[in-house]
Amino acid sequence: MVAFEPRLFEEIAPEERPSLAAALVPVGAMIVFLSVGIVVFGLDPQFPLFWGIAFTGLFARLHLGFSWDELYDGITDSILMGMRVILIMFVVYALIATWVQAGTIPGLMYYGLELLTPSIFLPLTAVLAAIVSFAVGSSWTTAGTLGVAFIGIGSGLGIPAPMTAGAILTGAYTGDKQSPLSDTTNLAAAVTNTDLYDHINAMRAGTLLAFGISVVLYVFLGLSASGNIPVGRVGAIQSAIQGSYVVTPLVFLPLVVTFGLAIYGVPALPSLGAGVFAGALTSVFVQRTEFAAAWSAAQSGTAPETGMELVNGLLESGGLLGGAWIVTIALAALSLGGMLERTGILAVLAHHLGRLSRGVASLTGVTAISAVSMNMLAAEQYISIVVPGMTLRNLYSEQGLKSKNLSRAVEAAGTTTAALIPWGSGGLFMAGTLGVPTLTYAPYYFFGFLSPLVLLLMGVTGWGIEYQEGAHGDGDDATSTGGGATAPAGED
């Protein structure tokens, strides 16, 4: 859960409230800076974001009248909100390095190459990732542990890494959305005043439809992408792994510790931290690594020499220090988002988006657009849930809709699209952890597109839309259940 109260439109004094035109100025500038810096000059995102921070700060100080201290407070609040995410980024980078050194990830690759075939790999990856993510309640934990191994297995089977990454994310976010242990699932229920299990039940039908379509697409994609594995390739990879690591069931101890704690209900950060210790100790006692060398790998990463270039590349990792590049982008994006929130710009944009709604269909669409917009502007999936969730509550109530409709909408469009934003914390984490750029895996992350589309379908058709007792939709007595809506939906 995130202790964060955004500034709402109604709570900002009219004389302090930016106009819509003023709110669009720093947003437009940020888009220009990112486009010019990244596309035209080929820069990394850090300094284009820094240009946006500088412009927004000057605009807020000189035009909107905010003090520097107020802007600093906005930045501080945003970074504080994202601090757990930043810490998880660092810990996951250390965990991957220790699990490589311990033989955990090489062992998963070794046995996975024996059990899996190219034709079933992608759909099975999505299903397994969904199961694990549901059990541990974290898409990030799933991607940072099992996901890294799947990337290696897929490469060994001749499956392109972007396809594998897409299947991992589809499964990870599907399980995360349905898990009562997930922080975003709990947050979406909390900020919309919805019972947690009412929220989960409201998401189930749409989630399963989007996931089912995704799995079918991975079946066809796997059949077309598998081709013929070169003779002896799998055996060569396994030999390279076995020549550099002790391959035994004992190397899976870090996996058991991490997932065991997560399933027991321990939050992601201590579970992953325990995985780092378990990995280092497994490296010492199973792989016979010196104690200092095990922790040096956690800090600086791994560069194995297995005698096979493909395996070397798959098992290279940056360690704790390797996370610095990703974290600097996350800090810059969070700083920019914090200023946009503190100046009321996000509240103004959300308010004017809300004014576009005239019925259930348009209100659902506005919620989806608000969630995706907050992901892009604030670079943090928590904001994509909190701001629309709190801003649009009254609109849902005025239309006689149960709060579960809102909680479902902000998560179906907010949580799932976070991994599609290259400068957002979700996109940065997944790209850095899986070693595949965001825009490269995006076309294969089917669930990220299908989840919002299914949400819009529900708004247009009325499927799954539920009204408060005694409320009416478009003049009809309207109470619908998960199987379909008895009340007409759409524009009034």
Protein backbone atom coordinates (compact mmCIF):
# COMPACT_ATOMS: atom_id res chain seq x y z
CA MET A 1 0.00 0.00 0.00
CA VAL A 2 1.10 3.58 -0.69
CA ALA A 3 0.44 6.41 1.77
CA PHE A 4 -0.23 9.06 -0.87
CA GLU A 5 -2.98 11.66 -1.07
CA PRO A 6 -2.93 13.44 -4.45
CA ARG A 7 -4.17 17.00 -4.80
CA LEU A 8 -7.69 16.80 -6.17
CA PHE A 9 -9.19 19.49 -8.41
CA GLU A 10 -11.84 20.49 -5.87
CA GLU A 11 -9.26 20.82 -3.09
CA ILE A 12 -7.12 23.35 -4.96
CA ALA A 13 -8.11 26.98 -4.44
CA PRO A 14 -9.32 28.52 -7.73
CA GLU A 15 -6.61 31.19 -7.64
CA GLU A 16 -3.92 28.46 -7.33
CA ARG A 17 -5.43 26.09 -9.86
CA PRO A 18 -3.66 25.97 -13.27
CA SER A 19 -5.82 26.42 -16.33
CA LEU A 20 -6.06 23.58 -18.80
CA ALA A 21 -3.89 25.51 -21.26
CA ALA A 22 -1.25 26.07 -18.57
CA ALA A 23 -1.35 22.42 -17.53
CA LEU A 24 -0.69 21.32 -21.10
CA VAL A 25 2.47 23.46 -21.45
CA PRO A 26 4.90 21.33 -19.36
CA VAL A 27 3.27 18.15 -20.66
CA GLY A 28 3.85 19.25 -24.26
CA ALA A 29 7.38 20.33 -23.41
CA MET A 30 8.16 16.95 -21.88
CA ILE A 31 6.94 15.17 -25.00
CA VAL A 32 9.10 17.42 -27.17
CA PHE A 33 12.18 16.97 -24.99
CA LEU A 34 11.88 13.19 -24.94
CA SER A 35 11.22 13.00 -28.67
CA VAL A 36 14.10 15.30 -29.65
CA GLY A 37 16.57 13.94 -27.12
CA ILE A 38 15.95 10.23 -27.69
CA VAL A 39 14.83 10.05 -31.33
CA VAL A 40 16.79 12.92 -32.92
CA PHE A 41 20.00 12.95 -30.87
CA GLY A 42 19.99 9.35 -29.68
CA LEU A 43 20.47 10.27 -26.02
CA ASP A 44 19.54 8.10 -23.08
CA PRO A 45 16.37 9.28 -21.32
CA GLN A 46 18.11 10.81 -18.27
CA PHE A 47 18.92 14.25 -19.65
CA PRO A 48 15.77 14.72 -21.77
CA LEU A 49 13.90 14.09 -18.53
CA PHE A 50 16.23 16.54 -16.78
CA TRP A 51 15.33 19.16 -19.39
CA GLY A 52 11.68 18.51 -18.58
CA ILE A 53 12.36 18.87 -14.86
CA ALA A 54 14.15 22.19 -15.41
CA PHE A 55 11.43 23.55 -17.69
CA THR A 56 8.60 22.45 -15.40
CA GLY A 57 10.35 23.92 -12.36
CA LEU A 58 10.87 27.29 -14.04
CA PHE A 59 7.33 27.32 -15.45
CA ALA A 60 5.84 26.48 -12.05
CA ARG A 61 8.00 29.09 -10.29
CA LEU A 62 7.64 31.97 -12.73
CA HIS A 63 4.18 31.43 -14.22
CA LEU A 64 2.22 29.45 -11.62
CA GLY A 65 3.79 31.13 -8.58
CA PHE A 66 4.99 28.06 -6.67
CA SER A 67 7.99 28.39 -4.37
CA TRP A 68 11.08 26.26 -4.78
CA ASP A 69 10.34 24.63 -1.42
CA GLU A 70 6.88 23.54 -2.63
CA LEU A 71 8.41 22.02 -5.74
CA TYR A 72 11.08 20.25 -3.68
CA ASP A 73 8.33 18.86 -1.46
CA GLY A 74 6.54 17.50 -4.53
CA ILE A 75 9.72 15.81 -5.72
CA THR A 76 10.39 14.40 -2.25
CA ASP A 77 6.88 12.98 -1.89
CA SER A 78 7.06 11.34 -5.30
CA ILE A 79 10.48 9.79 -4.69
CA LEU A 80 9.36 8.63 -1.24
CA MET A 81 6.35 6.96 -2.86
CA GLY A 82 8.63 5.24 -5.37
CA MET A 83 11.40 4.36 -2.92
CA ARG A 84 10.21 0.79 -2.44
CA VAL A 85 10.28 0.36 -6.22
CA ILE A 86 13.83 1.73 -6.38
CA LEU A 87 14.99 -0.56 -3.59
CA ILE A 88 13.41 -3.55 -5.34
CA MET A 89 15.26 -2.61 -8.53
CA PHE A 90 18.62 -2.67 -6.72
CA VAL A 91 17.84 -5.89 -4.84
CA VAL A 92 16.65 -7.71 -7.99
CA TYR A 93 19.86 -6.82 -9.82
CA ALA A 94 21.87 -8.23 -6.91
CA LEU A 95 19.60 -11.29 -6.77
CA ILE A 96 20.04 -12.11 -10.45
CA ALA A 97 23.84 -11.96 -10.09
CA THR A 98 23.88 -14.19 -7.00
CA TRP A 99 21.50 -16.67 -8.62
CA VAL A 100 23.75 -16.90 -11.67
CA GLN A 101 26.80 -17.38 -9.45
CA ALA A 102 24.93 -19.97 -7.35
CA GLY A 103 23.92 -21.96 -10.43
CA THR A 104 20.20 -21.36 -9.84
CA ILE A 105 19.48 -19.68 -13.18
CA PRO A 106 21.92 -21.91 -15.10
CA GLY A 107 20.20 -24.94 -13.46
CA LEU A 108 16.76 -23.73 -14.51
CA MET A 109 18.06 -23.30 -18.05
CA TYR A 110 19.68 -26.75 -18.02
CA TYR A 111 16.55 -28.63 -16.95
CA GLY A 112 14.20 -26.35 -18.88
CA LEU A 113 15.95 -27.20 -22.14
CA GLU A 114 15.28 -30.87 -21.43
CA LEU A 115 11.59 -30.47 -20.62
CA LEU A 116 10.36 -27.77 -23.02
CA THR A 117 9.96 -27.73 -26.79
CA PRO A 118 9.84 -24.66 -29.04
CA SER A 119 6.21 -25.15 -30.08
CA ILE A 120 4.81 -25.11 -26.53
CA PHE A 121 7.37 -22.81 -24.92
CA LEU A 122 5.61 -19.42 -25.30
CA PRO A 123 2.11 -20.41 -24.13
CA LEU A 124 3.55 -22.51 -21.31
CA THR A 125 5.77 -19.62 -20.23
CA ALA A 126 2.72 -17.34 -19.98
CA VAL A 127 0.77 -19.92 -17.96
CA LEU A 128 3.63 -20.72 -15.57
CA ALA A 129 4.39 -17.03 -15.04
CA ALA A 130 0.70 -16.40 -14.25
CA ILE A 131 0.63 -19.20 -11.68
CA VAL A 132 3.80 -18.03 -9.96
CA SER A 133 2.74 -14.37 -9.99
CA PHE A 134 -0.64 -15.25 -8.51
CA ALA A 135 1.05 -17.28 -5.77
CA VAL A 136 3.61 -14.63 -4.79
CA GLY A 137 1.50 -11.57 -5.61
CA SER A 138 4.20 -9.78 -7.58
CA SER A 139 4.78 -9.42 -11.32
CA TRP A 140 8.21 -7.92 -10.60
CA THR A 141 9.33 -10.84 -8.44
CA THR A 142 8.18 -13.28 -11.12
CA ALA A 143 9.97 -11.44 -13.92
CA GLY A 144 13.15 -10.93 -11.90
CA THR A 145 13.49 -14.59 -10.97
CA LEU A 146 11.68 -17.08 -13.18
CA GLY A 147 11.54 -14.60 -16.07
CA VAL A 148 15.31 -14.33 -16.36
CA ALA A 149 15.60 -18.12 -16.60
CA PHE A 150 12.85 -18.26 -19.24
CA ILE A 151 14.76 -15.77 -21.39
CA GLY A 152 17.74 -18.13 -21.34
CA ILE A 153 15.65 -21.22 -22.04
CA GLY A 154 13.87 -19.49 -24.92
CA SER A 155 17.15 -18.41 -26.48
CA GLY A 156 18.40 -21.98 -26.27
CA LEU A 157 15.26 -23.17 -28.06
CA GLY A 158 15.63 -20.56 -30.80
CA ILE A 159 12.76 -18.33 -29.61
CA PRO A 160 13.50 -14.57 -29.99
CA ALA A 161 13.96 -12.87 -26.63
CA PRO A 162 11.26 -10.19 -27.28
CA MET A 163 8.64 -12.91 -27.76
CA THR A 164 9.71 -14.65 -24.56
CA ALA A 165 9.65 -11.35 -22.66
CA GLY A 166 6.15 -10.64 -23.91
CA ALA A 167 4.91 -14.04 -22.74
CA ILE A 168 6.58 -13.58 -19.33
CA LEU A 169 4.94 -10.18 -18.83
CA THR A 170 1.54 -11.43 -19.99
CA GLY A 171 1.61 -14.17 -17.38
CA ALA A 172 3.19 -12.03 -14.66
CA TYR A 173 0.64 -9.23 -14.87
CA THR A 174 -2.29 -11.63 -15.24
CA GLY A 175 -1.42 -13.41 -12.01
CA ASP A 176 -0.61 -10.14 -10.26
CA LYS A 177 -4.04 -8.67 -11.06
CA GLN A 178 -5.86 -11.67 -9.56
CA SER A 179 -3.70 -12.11 -6.46
CA PRO A 180 -4.93 -10.84 -3.07
CA LEU A 181 -1.23 -10.51 -2.14
CA SER A 182 -0.52 -7.92 -4.86
CA ASP A 183 0.14 -4.37 -3.70
CA THR A 184 -1.45 -2.80 -6.80
CA THR A 185 -4.54 -4.98 -6.42
CA ASN A 186 -4.91 -3.91 -2.81
CA LEU A 187 -4.21 -0.28 -3.72
CA ALA A 188 -6.87 -0.20 -6.45
CA ALA A 189 -9.44 -1.56 -4.00
CA ALA A 190 -8.40 0.84 -1.24
CA VAL A 191 -8.43 4.13 -3.18
CA THR A 192 -11.86 3.35 -4.67
CA ASN A 193 -13.40 2.17 -1.37
CA THR A 194 -14.03 -1.31 -2.78
CA ASP A 195 -13.87 -4.59 -0.91
CA LEU A 196 -10.71 -6.42 -2.01
CA TYR A 197 -12.44 -9.62 -3.09
CA ASP A 198 -15.24 -7.68 -4.82
CA HIS A 199 -12.50 -5.96 -6.79
CA ILE A 200 -10.77 -9.24 -7.65
CA ASN A 201 -14.05 -10.87 -8.70
CA ALA A 202 -14.91 -7.86 -10.87
CA MET A 203 -11.60 -8.20 -12.70
CA ARG A 204 -11.75 -11.95 -13.23
CA ALA A 205 -13.88 -12.27 -16.38
CA GLY A 206 -12.08 -9.55 -18.32
CA THR A 207 -8.66 -10.72 -17.16
CA LEU A 208 -9.31 -14.32 -18.17
CA LEU A 209 -10.63 -13.25 -21.58
CA ALA A 210 -7.57 -11.09 -22.29
CA PHE A 211 -5.22 -13.80 -21.00
CA GLY A 212 -6.96 -16.56 -22.94
CA ILE A 213 -6.67 -14.63 -26.21
CA SER A 214 -3.02 -13.95 -25.41
CA VAL A 215 -2.25 -17.63 -24.83
CA VAL A 216 -3.91 -18.57 -28.14
CA LEU A 217 -1.77 -15.95 -29.89
CA TYR A 218 1.36 -17.39 -28.25
CA VAL A 219 0.42 -20.85 -29.52
CA PHE A 220 0.38 -19.57 -33.10
CA LEU A 221 3.46 -17.44 -32.50
CA GLY A 222 5.35 -20.42 -31.09
CA LEU A 223 4.46 -22.58 -34.08
CA SER A 224 5.71 -19.94 -36.50
CA ALA A 225 8.81 -18.89 -34.55
CA SER A 226 10.23 -22.23 -33.46
CA GLY A 227 11.62 -23.49 -36.77
CA ASN A 228 14.30 -26.14 -36.53
CA ILE A 229 16.82 -26.13 -33.70
CA PRO A 230 20.33 -26.73 -35.06
CA VAL A 231 21.44 -30.28 -34.36
CA GLY A 232 23.28 -30.50 -31.08
CA ARG A 233 22.50 -26.94 -29.99
CA VAL A 234 20.63 -27.89 -26.82
CA GLY A 235 23.27 -30.43 -25.90
CA ALA A 236 26.06 -27.90 -26.47
CA ILE A 237 24.34 -25.35 -24.22
CA GLN A 238 23.81 -27.93 -21.48
CA SER A 239 27.44 -29.05 -21.73
CA ALA A 240 28.64 -25.45 -21.45
CA ILE A 241 26.50 -24.95 -18.34
CA GLN A 242 27.59 -28.22 -16.78
CA GLY A 243 31.22 -27.40 -17.48
CA SER A 244 31.05 -24.19 -15.43
CA TYR A 245 28.48 -24.95 -12.72
CA VAL A 246 27.57 -27.80 -10.42
CA VAL A 247 24.08 -28.74 -11.62
CA THR A 248 22.15 -30.31 -8.76
CA PRO A 249 18.72 -29.79 -7.16
CA LEU A 250 20.52 -27.97 -4.32
CA VAL A 251 21.02 -24.93 -6.59
CA PHE A 252 17.26 -24.30 -6.41
CA LEU A 253 17.40 -23.51 -2.68
CA PRO A 254 17.33 -19.70 -3.32
CA LEU A 255 14.23 -20.21 -5.47
CA VAL A 256 12.51 -22.19 -2.71
CA VAL A 257 13.42 -19.60 -0.06
CA THR A 258 12.25 -16.60 -2.09
CA PHE A 259 8.98 -18.06 -3.35
CA GLY A 260 8.29 -19.78 -0.04
CA LEU A 261 8.50 -16.49 1.84
CA ALA A 262 6.40 -14.70 -0.78
CA ILE A 263 3.68 -17.36 -0.70
CA TYR A 264 3.72 -17.19 3.09
CA GLY A 265 2.85 -13.50 2.77
CA VAL A 266 6.22 -11.82 3.31
CA PRO A 267 6.40 -8.64 1.16
CA ALA A 268 8.46 -8.56 -2.02
CA LEU A 269 11.45 -6.61 -0.72
CA PRO A 270 12.36 -8.87 2.26
CA SER A 271 11.55 -11.98 0.21
CA LEU A 272 13.92 -10.90 -2.54
CA GLY A 273 16.52 -9.82 0.03
CA ALA A 274 16.39 -13.29 1.57
CA GLY A 275 16.87 -14.67 -1.95
CA VAL A 276 20.11 -12.70 -2.27
CA PHE A 277 21.48 -14.20 0.96
CA ALA A 278 20.34 -17.69 -0.07
CA GLY A 279 21.99 -17.22 -3.46
CA ALA A 280 25.29 -16.10 -1.97
CA LEU A 281 25.36 -18.98 0.51
CA THR A 282 24.44 -21.50 -2.19
CA SER A 283 27.28 -20.12 -4.29
CA VAL A 284 29.70 -20.65 -1.40
CA PHE A 285 28.60 -24.15 -0.33
CA VAL A 286 27.47 -25.68 -3.64
CA GLN A 287 29.60 -23.94 -6.28
CA ARG A 288 32.59 -23.61 -3.91
CA THR A 289 32.86 -19.88 -4.56
CA GLU A 290 34.92 -17.89 -2.07
CA PHE A 291 32.80 -15.88 0.35
CA ALA A 292 34.15 -12.51 -0.84
CA ALA A 293 33.75 -13.51 -4.50
CA ALA A 294 30.09 -14.42 -3.95
CA TRP A 295 29.31 -10.97 -2.56
CA SER A 296 31.51 -9.28 -5.16
CA ALA A 297 29.29 -10.86 -7.82
CA ALA A 298 26.22 -9.51 -6.04
CA GLN A 299 27.77 -6.05 -6.15
CA SER A 300 29.42 -5.94 -9.57
CA GLY A 301 27.73 -8.71 -11.55
CA THR A 302 28.85 -11.84 -13.36
CA ALA A 303 30.79 -12.47 -16.55
CA PRO A 304 31.04 -16.26 -16.88
CA GLU A 305 33.37 -17.94 -19.34
CA THR A 306 31.63 -21.16 -20.29
CA GLY A 307 33.30 -21.59 -23.66
CA MET A 308 30.06 -20.80 -25.52
CA GLU A 309 29.32 -17.20 -26.49
CA LEU A 310 25.54 -17.64 -26.35
CA VAL A 311 25.63 -18.95 -22.78
CA ASN A 312 28.10 -16.28 -21.69
CA GLY A 313 25.77 -13.56 -22.96
CA LEU A 314 22.72 -15.10 -21.30
CA LEU A 315 24.43 -15.38 -17.92
CA GLU A 316 26.07 -11.96 -17.83
CA SER A 317 24.60 -9.66 -15.19
CA GLY A 318 25.30 -6.22 -13.79
CA GLY A 319 24.78 -6.82 -10.09
CA LEU A 320 23.82 -4.07 -7.66
CA LEU A 321 25.90 -1.46 -9.49
CA GLY A 322 24.30 -2.45 -12.79
CA GLY A 323 20.99 -1.10 -11.52
CA ALA A 324 22.28 2.48 -11.30
CA TRP A 325 21.48 3.34 -14.94
CA ILE A 326 17.87 2.23 -14.53
CA VAL A 327 17.45 3.92 -11.15
CA THR A 328 18.72 7.30 -12.39
CA ILE A 329 15.97 7.30 -15.03
CA ALA A 330 13.39 6.28 -12.45
CA LEU A 331 14.48 9.06 -10.10
CA ALA A 332 14.32 11.66 -12.87
CA ALA A 333 10.87 10.50 -13.99
CA LEU A 334 9.56 10.41 -10.42
CA SER A 335 10.91 13.93 -9.81
CA LEU A 336 9.11 15.25 -12.88
CA GLY A 337 5.91 13.46 -11.89
CA GLY A 338 6.15 14.86 -8.37
CA MET A 339 6.27 18.44 -9.64
CA LEU A 340 3.36 17.83 -12.00
CA GLU A 341 1.33 16.48 -9.08
CA ARG A 342 2.26 19.21 -6.59
CA THR A 343 1.45 22.03 -9.01
CA GLY A 344 -2.00 20.54 -9.59
CA ILE A 345 -1.33 19.82 -13.26
CA LEU A 346 -2.25 16.14 -12.93
CA ALA A 347 -5.45 17.05 -11.06
CA VAL A 348 -6.46 19.54 -13.75
CA LEU A 349 -5.83 17.03 -16.55
CA ALA A 350 -7.78 14.29 -14.73
CA HIS A 351 -10.66 16.69 -14.02
CA HIS A 352 -11.01 17.79 -17.64
CA LEU A 353 -10.79 14.20 -18.83
CA GLY A 354 -13.59 13.35 -16.41
CA ARG A 355 -15.77 16.08 -17.90
CA LEU A 356 -15.73 14.21 -21.22
CA SER A 357 -17.81 11.35 -19.80
CA ARG A 358 -21.51 11.25 -20.64
CA GLY A 359 -22.36 7.59 -19.97
CA VAL A 360 -20.92 4.26 -18.94
CA ALA A 361 -18.96 3.73 -22.15
CA SER A 362 -17.36 7.17 -22.17
CA LEU A 363 -16.70 7.06 -18.41
CA THR A 364 -14.90 3.71 -18.82
CA GLY A 365 -12.88 5.14 -21.69
CA VAL A 366 -12.00 8.29 -19.73
CA THR A 367 -10.84 6.16 -16.79
CA ALA A 368 -8.62 4.10 -19.08
CA ILE A 369 -7.14 7.20 -20.73
CA SER A 370 -6.56 8.81 -17.32
CA ALA A 371 -4.72 5.74 -16.02
CA VAL A 372 -2.49 5.44 -19.09
CA SER A 373 -1.83 9.21 -19.08
CA MET A 374 -0.76 9.13 -15.43
CA ASN A 375 1.59 6.24 -16.26
CA MET A 376 3.19 8.35 -18.97
CA LEU A 377 3.36 11.61 -17.01
CA ALA A 378 4.21 10.40 -13.51
CA ALA A 379 6.22 7.31 -14.57
CA GLU A 380 4.78 5.26 -11.73
CA GLN A 381 1.95 2.73 -11.79
CA TYR A 382 0.83 3.68 -8.28
CA ILE A 383 -0.06 7.17 -9.55
CA SER A 384 -1.98 5.62 -12.46
CA ILE A 385 -4.20 3.93 -9.87
CA VAL A 386 -4.39 6.59 -7.16
CA VAL A 387 -5.10 9.75 -9.18
CA PRO A 388 -7.92 8.41 -11.43
CA GLY A 389 -9.22 6.25 -8.59
CA MET A 390 -9.70 9.22 -6.27
CA THR A 391 -10.57 11.80 -8.94
CA LEU A 392 -13.34 9.83 -10.65
CA ARG A 393 -15.05 8.25 -7.62
CA ASN A 394 -17.82 10.82 -7.55
CA LEU A 395 -18.57 10.41 -11.27
CA TYR A 396 -19.10 6.67 -10.85
CA SER A 397 -21.32 7.29 -7.85
CA GLU A 398 -23.37 9.92 -9.72
CA GLN A 399 -24.07 7.41 -12.49
CA GLY A 400 -25.21 4.80 -9.96
CA LEU A 401 -22.26 2.51 -10.62
CA LYS A 402 -20.71 0.29 -7.99
CA SER A 403 -17.16 1.22 -7.00
CA LYS A 404 -15.86 -2.13 -8.29
CA ASN A 405 -16.36 -0.82 -11.84
CA LEU A 406 -13.86 1.96 -11.11
CA SER A 407 -11.37 -0.28 -9.29
CA ARG A 408 -11.42 -2.73 -12.20
CA ALA A 409 -10.92 0.06 -14.72
CA VAL A 410 -7.93 1.74 -13.07
CA GLU A 411 -6.11 -1.56 -12.67
CA ALA A 412 -7.01 -3.03 -16.06
CA ALA A 413 -5.66 0.10 -17.78
CA GLY A 414 -3.10 1.34 -15.25
CA THR A 415 -1.20 -1.64 -13.84
CA THR A 416 -1.05 -3.59 -17.08
CA THR A 417 0.23 -0.73 -19.27
CA ALA A 418 3.00 0.32 -16.87
CA ALA A 419 5.43 -2.07 -18.59
CA LEU A 420 4.79 -0.35 -21.95
CA ILE A 421 6.17 3.06 -20.88
CA PRO A 422 9.95 3.13 -21.62
CA TRP A 423 10.74 5.80 -19.01
CA GLY A 424 8.27 4.51 -16.40
CA SER A 425 9.39 2.40 -13.46
CA GLY A 426 7.57 -0.68 -14.81
CA GLY A 427 9.04 -0.44 -18.31
CA LEU A 428 12.50 0.34 -16.95
CA PHE A 429 12.46 -2.57 -14.54
CA MET A 430 11.20 -5.13 -17.03
CA ALA A 431 13.58 -4.00 -19.79
CA GLY A 432 16.57 -3.98 -17.47
CA THR A 433 15.73 -7.27 -15.77
CA LEU A 434 14.88 -9.25 -18.90
CA GLY A 435 17.53 -7.59 -21.07
CA VAL A 436 15.03 -6.63 -23.78
CA PRO A 437 14.20 -2.96 -24.58
CA THR A 438 10.64 -1.90 -23.79
CA LEU A 439 9.71 -0.98 -27.35
CA THR A 440 11.17 -4.27 -28.58
CA TYR A 441 9.09 -6.55 -26.36
CA ALA A 442 5.99 -4.31 -26.49
CA PRO A 443 4.50 -5.85 -29.70
CA TYR A 444 4.55 -9.29 -28.04
CA TYR A 445 3.19 -8.20 -24.67
CA PHE A 446 -0.35 -8.99 -25.81
CA PHE A 447 -1.99 -8.72 -22.40
CA GLY A 448 -0.82 -5.11 -22.04
CA PHE A 449 -2.97 -4.15 -25.03
CA LEU A 450 -5.81 -6.63 -24.62
CA SER A 451 -6.58 -5.81 -20.98
CA PRO A 452 -7.53 -2.16 -21.70
CA LEU A 453 -9.33 -3.18 -24.91
CA VAL A 454 -11.45 -5.75 -23.06
CA LEU A 455 -12.17 -3.07 -20.46
CA LEU A 456 -13.46 -0.75 -23.19
CA LEU A 457 -15.54 -3.60 -24.62
CA MET A 458 -17.15 -4.06 -21.21
CA GLY A 459 -17.97 -0.36 -21.04
CA VAL A 460 -19.52 -0.30 -24.51
CA THR A 461 -21.55 -3.52 -24.22
CA GLY A 462 -22.38 -3.35 -20.50
CA TRP A 463 -20.86 -6.78 -19.91
CA GLY A 464 -19.90 -7.03 -16.24
CA ILE A 465 -21.07 -3.49 -15.42
CA GLU A 466 -22.78 -3.45 -12.03
CA TYR A 467 -25.07 -0.74 -10.65
CA GLN A 468 -25.84 0.24 -7.08
CA GLU A 469 -29.03 -1.15 -5.66
CA GLY A 470 -31.99 0.88 -6.90
CA ALA A 471 -29.93 2.72 -9.51
CA HIS A 472 -31.02 2.88 -13.14
CA GLY A 473 -28.97 2.89 -16.29
CA ASP A 474 -30.44 4.72 -19.26
CA GLY A 475 -33.87 4.48 -17.67
CA ASP A 476 -33.84 0.72 -17.11
CA ASP A 477 -33.64 -1.17 -13.86
CA ALA A 478 -29.95 -1.99 -13.99
CA THR A 479 -28.11 -4.55 -12.01
CA SER A 480 -25.76 -6.71 -14.01
CA THR A 481 -23.50 -9.52 -12.98
CA GLY A 482 -20.26 -10.90 -14.34
CA GLY A 483 -21.94 -12.78 -17.15
CA GLY A 484 -23.52 -9.73 -18.75
CA ALA A 485 -25.47 -6.56 -18.14
CA THR A 486 -29.21 -6.30 -18.12
CA ALA A 487 -28.94 -2.55 -18.38
CA PRO A 488 -28.03 -0.83 -21.64
CA ALA A 489 -24.63 0.79 -21.50
CA GLY A 490 -22.87 3.37 -23.56
CA GLU A 491 -23.47 7.02 -24.25
CA ASP A 492 -26.57 8.62 -22.70
